[in-house]
Amino acid sequence: MPFPADRFYTKTHEWVKISDKEATIGITSYAIEQLGDITFLEVKPVGTKVRKGDKIGVVESSKTTEKIYAPVSGEITELNREAGVLEEGSSEAPVGLEKIAKDPYGEGWILKLSVSEGVEEELRDLMSSEDYAKYVEESH
């Protein structure tokens, strides 16, 4: 699956798409291939302020458990409950996680952040789709 050019990528396989003062965040198709079947995904609660590089969640799969990191700083404003994303500490059963695997760049987004003025500077440290494709190719 090609990596969409309208977003930025991290070495830990998160993607971020910026629109005005909002960042939509997810995990890449490459990460999903490596994880296998996703069985659980939880993130920090709405209202949590995060800094770039902070752990914002955990994804569990049939193979492993991996941390999810914030590609940019901001405040969590929304979780994608339709895709089975749960708030940290929730006792609910995840429903809809297949959306993340089937459409990681569309309906399978994980969370949204409100971002501040400095986001452009933070994006400079991230990879373009072309750079991320090279990174993935070189890492295996």
C-alpha atoms as a PDB file:
ATOM      1  CA  MET A   1       0.000   0.000   0.000  1.00  0.00           C
ATOM      2  CA  PRO A   2       1.523   3.362  -0.942  1.00  0.00           C
ATOM      3  CA  PHE A   3       2.019   5.929   1.785  1.00  0.00           C
ATOM      4  CA  PRO A   4      -0.196   9.010   1.153  1.00  0.00           C
ATOM      5  CA  ALA A   5       1.786  12.145   0.292  1.00  0.00           C
ATOM      6  CA  ASP A   6      -0.529  14.483   2.250  1.00  0.00           C
ATOM      7  CA  ARG A   7       0.881  13.508   5.647  1.00  0.00           C
ATOM      8  CA  PHE A   8       4.096  13.136   7.610  1.00  0.00           C
ATOM      9  CA  TYR A   9       5.632   9.969   9.066  1.00  0.00           C
ATOM     10  CA  THR A  10       7.715   8.938  12.087  1.00  0.00           C
ATOM     11  CA  LYS A  11      10.416   6.292  12.505  1.00  0.00           C
ATOM     12  CA  THR A  12       8.047   4.580  14.968  1.00  0.00           C
ATOM     13  CA  HIS A  13       5.466   4.208  12.152  1.00  0.00           C
ATOM     14  CA  GLU A  14       2.863   6.814  13.085  1.00  0.00           C
ATOM     15  CA  TRP A  15       1.465   9.228  10.513  1.00  0.00           C
ATOM     16  CA  VAL A  16       0.043  12.712  11.024  1.00  0.00           C
ATOM     17  CA  LYS A  17      -2.104  14.841   8.746  1.00  0.00           C
ATOM     18  CA  ILE A  18      -2.466  18.526   9.578  1.00  0.00           C
ATOM     19  CA  SER A  19      -5.574  20.495   8.681  1.00  0.00           C
ATOM     20  CA  ASP A  20      -5.781  24.032  10.089  1.00  0.00           C
ATOM     21  CA  LYS A  21      -5.219  23.646  13.836  1.00  0.00           C
ATOM     22  CA  GLU A  22      -6.032  19.923  13.932  1.00  0.00           C
ATOM     23  CA  ALA A  23      -3.748  16.898  13.613  1.00  0.00           C
ATOM     24  CA  THR A  24      -5.179  13.497  12.720  1.00  0.00           C
ATOM     25  CA  ILE A  25      -2.923  10.625  13.786  1.00  0.00           C
ATOM     26  CA  GLY A  26      -2.786   6.957  12.874  1.00  0.00           C
ATOM     27  CA  ILE A  27      -0.398   4.084  12.321  1.00  0.00           C
ATOM     28  CA  THR A  28       0.998   3.158   8.920  1.00  0.00           C
ATOM     29  CA  SER A  29       0.091   0.205   6.736  1.00  0.00           C
ATOM     30  CA  TYR A  30       3.652  -1.045   7.248  1.00  0.00           C
ATOM     31  CA  ALA A  31       3.142  -1.063  11.035  1.00  0.00           C
ATOM     32  CA  ILE A  32      -0.119  -2.964  10.589  1.00  0.00           C
ATOM     33  CA  GLU A  33       1.612  -5.589   8.414  1.00  0.00           C
ATOM     34  CA  GLN A  34       4.241  -6.058  11.137  1.00  0.00           C
ATOM     35  CA  LEU A  35       1.666  -6.241  13.936  1.00  0.00           C
ATOM     36  CA  GLY A  36      -0.699  -8.782  12.438  1.00  0.00           C
ATOM     37  CA  ASP A  37      -4.268  -8.852  13.764  1.00  0.00           C
ATOM     38  CA  ILE A  38      -4.859  -5.894  16.084  1.00  0.00           C
ATOM     39  CA  THR A  39      -6.683  -7.064  19.210  1.00  0.00           C
ATOM     40  CA  PHE A  40      -6.659  -3.936  21.399  1.00  0.00           C
ATOM     41  CA  LEU A  41      -5.816  -0.249  21.087  1.00  0.00           C
ATOM     42  CA  GLU A  42      -6.029   2.344  23.848  1.00  0.00           C
ATOM     43  CA  VAL A  43      -4.873   5.954  24.062  1.00  0.00           C
ATOM     44  CA  LYS A  44      -4.675   8.749  26.620  1.00  0.00           C
ATOM     45  CA  PRO A  45      -8.007  10.416  27.498  1.00  0.00           C
ATOM     46  CA  VAL A  46      -9.542  13.337  25.610  1.00  0.00           C
ATOM     47  CA  GLY A  47      -8.193  16.555  27.120  1.00  0.00           C
ATOM     48  CA  THR A  48      -4.677  15.169  27.708  1.00  0.00           C
ATOM     49  CA  LYS A  49      -1.922  17.542  26.617  1.00  0.00           C
ATOM     50  CA  VAL A  50       0.935  15.728  24.887  1.00  0.00           C
ATOM     51  CA  ARG A  51       4.343  16.737  23.625  1.00  0.00           C
ATOM     52  CA  LYS A  52       5.960  15.429  20.486  1.00  0.00           C
ATOM     53  CA  GLY A  53       7.526  12.056  21.280  1.00  0.00           C
ATOM     54  CA  ASP A  54       5.302  11.311  24.298  1.00  0.00           C
ATOM     55  CA  LYS A  55       3.734   7.871  24.558  1.00  0.00           C
ATOM     56  CA  ILE A  56       0.063   8.426  23.761  1.00  0.00           C
ATOM     57  CA  GLY A  57      -1.186   4.865  23.575  1.00  0.00           C
ATOM     58  CA  VAL A  58      -0.651   1.160  23.128  1.00  0.00           C
ATOM     59  CA  VAL A  59      -1.619  -1.221  20.345  1.00  0.00           C
ATOM     60  CA  GLU A  60      -1.763  -4.958  21.006  1.00  0.00           C
ATOM     61  CA  SER A  61      -1.841  -7.616  18.341  1.00  0.00           C
ATOM     62  CA  SER A  62      -1.628 -11.340  17.901  1.00  0.00           C
ATOM     63  CA  LYS A  63       2.172 -10.962  17.694  1.00  0.00           C
ATOM     64  CA  THR A  64       3.245  -8.140  20.026  1.00  0.00           C
ATOM     65  CA  THR A  65       2.435  -4.978  21.987  1.00  0.00           C
ATOM     66  CA  GLU A  66       3.751  -1.648  20.711  1.00  0.00           C
ATOM     67  CA  LYS A  67       3.620   1.912  22.043  1.00  0.00           C
ATOM     68  CA  ILE A  68       2.123   4.735  20.002  1.00  0.00           C
ATOM     69  CA  TYR A  69       3.959   8.071  20.152  1.00  0.00           C
ATOM     70  CA  ALA A  70       2.773  11.606  19.449  1.00  0.00           C
ATOM     71  CA  PRO A  71       4.289  12.850  16.167  1.00  0.00           C
ATOM     72  CA  VAL A  72       3.433  16.448  17.171  1.00  0.00           C
ATOM     73  CA  SER A  73       2.457  18.303  20.350  1.00  0.00           C
ATOM     74  CA  GLY A  74      -1.118  19.226  21.183  1.00  0.00           C
ATOM     75  CA  GLU A  75      -4.213  18.334  23.162  1.00  0.00           C
ATOM     76  CA  ILE A  76      -6.231  15.190  22.462  1.00  0.00           C
ATOM     77  CA  THR A  77      -9.669  16.259  21.237  1.00  0.00           C
ATOM     78  CA  GLU A  78     -11.156  13.065  19.795  1.00  0.00           C
ATOM     79  CA  LEU A  79     -10.681   9.297  19.705  1.00  0.00           C
ATOM     80  CA  ASN A  80     -11.878   7.157  16.818  1.00  0.00           C
ATOM     81  CA  ARG A  81     -14.334   5.028  18.769  1.00  0.00           C
ATOM     82  CA  GLU A  82     -15.833   3.801  15.465  1.00  0.00           C
ATOM     83  CA  ALA A  83     -12.499   2.043  14.849  1.00  0.00           C
ATOM     84  CA  GLY A  84     -12.387   0.448  18.312  1.00  0.00           C
ATOM     85  CA  VAL A  85     -10.006   2.982  19.890  1.00  0.00           C
ATOM     86  CA  LEU A  86     -10.532   3.025  23.656  1.00  0.00           C
ATOM     87  CA  GLU A  87      -9.587   5.559  26.300  1.00  0.00           C
ATOM     88  CA  GLU A  88      -6.852   4.377  28.672  1.00  0.00           C
ATOM     89  CA  GLY A  89      -8.349   2.386  31.550  1.00  0.00           C
ATOM     90  CA  SER A  90     -11.651   1.713  29.795  1.00  0.00           C
ATOM     91  CA  SER A  91     -13.378  -1.577  30.576  1.00  0.00           C
ATOM     92  CA  GLU A  92     -15.218  -1.617  27.229  1.00  0.00           C
ATOM     93  CA  ALA A  93     -14.538  -4.300  24.660  1.00  0.00           C
ATOM     94  CA  PRO A  94     -12.974  -2.890  21.467  1.00  0.00           C
ATOM     95  CA  VAL A  95     -15.330  -3.031  18.487  1.00  0.00           C
ATOM     96  CA  GLY A  96     -14.326  -2.016  14.956  1.00  0.00           C
ATOM     97  CA  LEU A  97     -10.552  -2.531  15.090  1.00  0.00           C
ATOM     98  CA  GLU A  98     -10.637  -4.038  11.588  1.00  0.00           C
ATOM     99  CA  LYS A  99     -11.110  -0.479  10.246  1.00  0.00           C
ATOM    100  CA  ILE A 100      -7.554   0.330  11.292  1.00  0.00           C
ATOM    101  CA  ALA A 101      -6.185  -2.615   9.304  1.00  0.00           C
ATOM    102  CA  LYS A 102      -8.437  -2.146   6.270  1.00  0.00           C
ATOM    103  CA  ASP A 103      -8.195   1.642   5.941  1.00  0.00           C
ATOM    104  CA  PRO A 104      -5.305   2.980   8.067  1.00  0.00           C
ATOM    105  CA  TYR A 105      -5.206   6.328   6.226  1.00  0.00           C
ATOM    106  CA  GLY A 106      -8.965   6.898   6.115  1.00  0.00           C
ATOM    107  CA  GLU A 107     -11.559   5.472   8.507  1.00  0.00           C
ATOM    108  CA  GLY A 108      -8.793   3.811  10.552  1.00  0.00           C
ATOM    109  CA  TRP A 109      -7.325   6.982  12.083  1.00  0.00           C
ATOM    110  CA  ILE A 110      -6.667   6.736  15.829  1.00  0.00           C
ATOM    111  CA  LEU A 111      -7.013  10.177  17.401  1.00  0.00           C
ATOM    112  CA  LYS A 112      -7.075  13.913  16.787  1.00  0.00           C
ATOM    113  CA  LEU A 113      -5.112  16.669  18.484  1.00  0.00           C
ATOM    114  CA  SER A 114      -5.570  20.414  18.533  1.00  0.00           C
ATOM    115  CA  VAL A 115      -2.164  21.859  17.676  1.00  0.00           C
ATOM    116  CA  SER A 116      -0.518  25.208  18.260  1.00  0.00           C
ATOM    117  CA  GLU A 117       1.501  27.615  16.135  1.00  0.00           C
ATOM    118  CA  GLY A 118       4.789  25.720  16.516  1.00  0.00           C
ATOM    119  CA  VAL A 119       3.537  22.620  14.693  1.00  0.00           C
ATOM    120  CA  GLU A 120       5.270  23.566  11.421  1.00  0.00           C
ATOM    121  CA  GLU A 121       8.639  23.383  13.161  1.00  0.00           C
ATOM    122  CA  GLU A 122       7.825  19.953  14.634  1.00  0.00           C
ATOM    123  CA  LEU A 123       6.846  18.666  11.186  1.00  0.00           C
ATOM    124  CA  ARG A 124      10.335  19.440   9.842  1.00  0.00           C
ATOM    125  CA  ASP A 125      11.697  16.525  11.891  1.00  0.00           C
ATOM    126  CA  LEU A 126       9.247  14.062  10.338  1.00  0.00           C
ATOM    127  CA  MET A 127       9.500  12.187   7.050  1.00  0.00           C
ATOM    128  CA  SER A 128       7.660  12.757   3.780  1.00  0.00           C
ATOM    129  CA  SER A 129       5.917   9.771   2.182  1.00  0.00           C
ATOM    130  CA  GLU A 130       8.929   9.252  -0.122  1.00  0.00           C
ATOM    131  CA  ASP A 131      11.397   9.402   2.775  1.00  0.00           C
ATOM    132  CA  TYR A 132       9.258   7.028   4.835  1.00  0.00           C
ATOM    133  CA  ALA A 133       9.046   4.540   1.938  1.00  0.00           C
ATOM    134  CA  LYS A 134      12.862   4.560   1.719  1.00  0.00           C
ATOM    135  CA  TYR A 135      13.148   4.179   5.487  1.00  0.00           C
ATOM    136  CA  VAL A 136      10.832   1.137   5.479  1.00  0.00           C
ATOM    137  CA  GLU A 137      12.672  -0.416   2.532  1.00  0.00           C
ATOM    138  CA  GLU A 138      16.064   0.041   4.206  1.00  0.00           C
ATOM    139  CA  SER A 139      14.889  -1.253   7.592  1.00  0.00           C
ATOM    140  CA  HIS A 140      14.059  -4.771   6.390  1.00  0.00           C
END
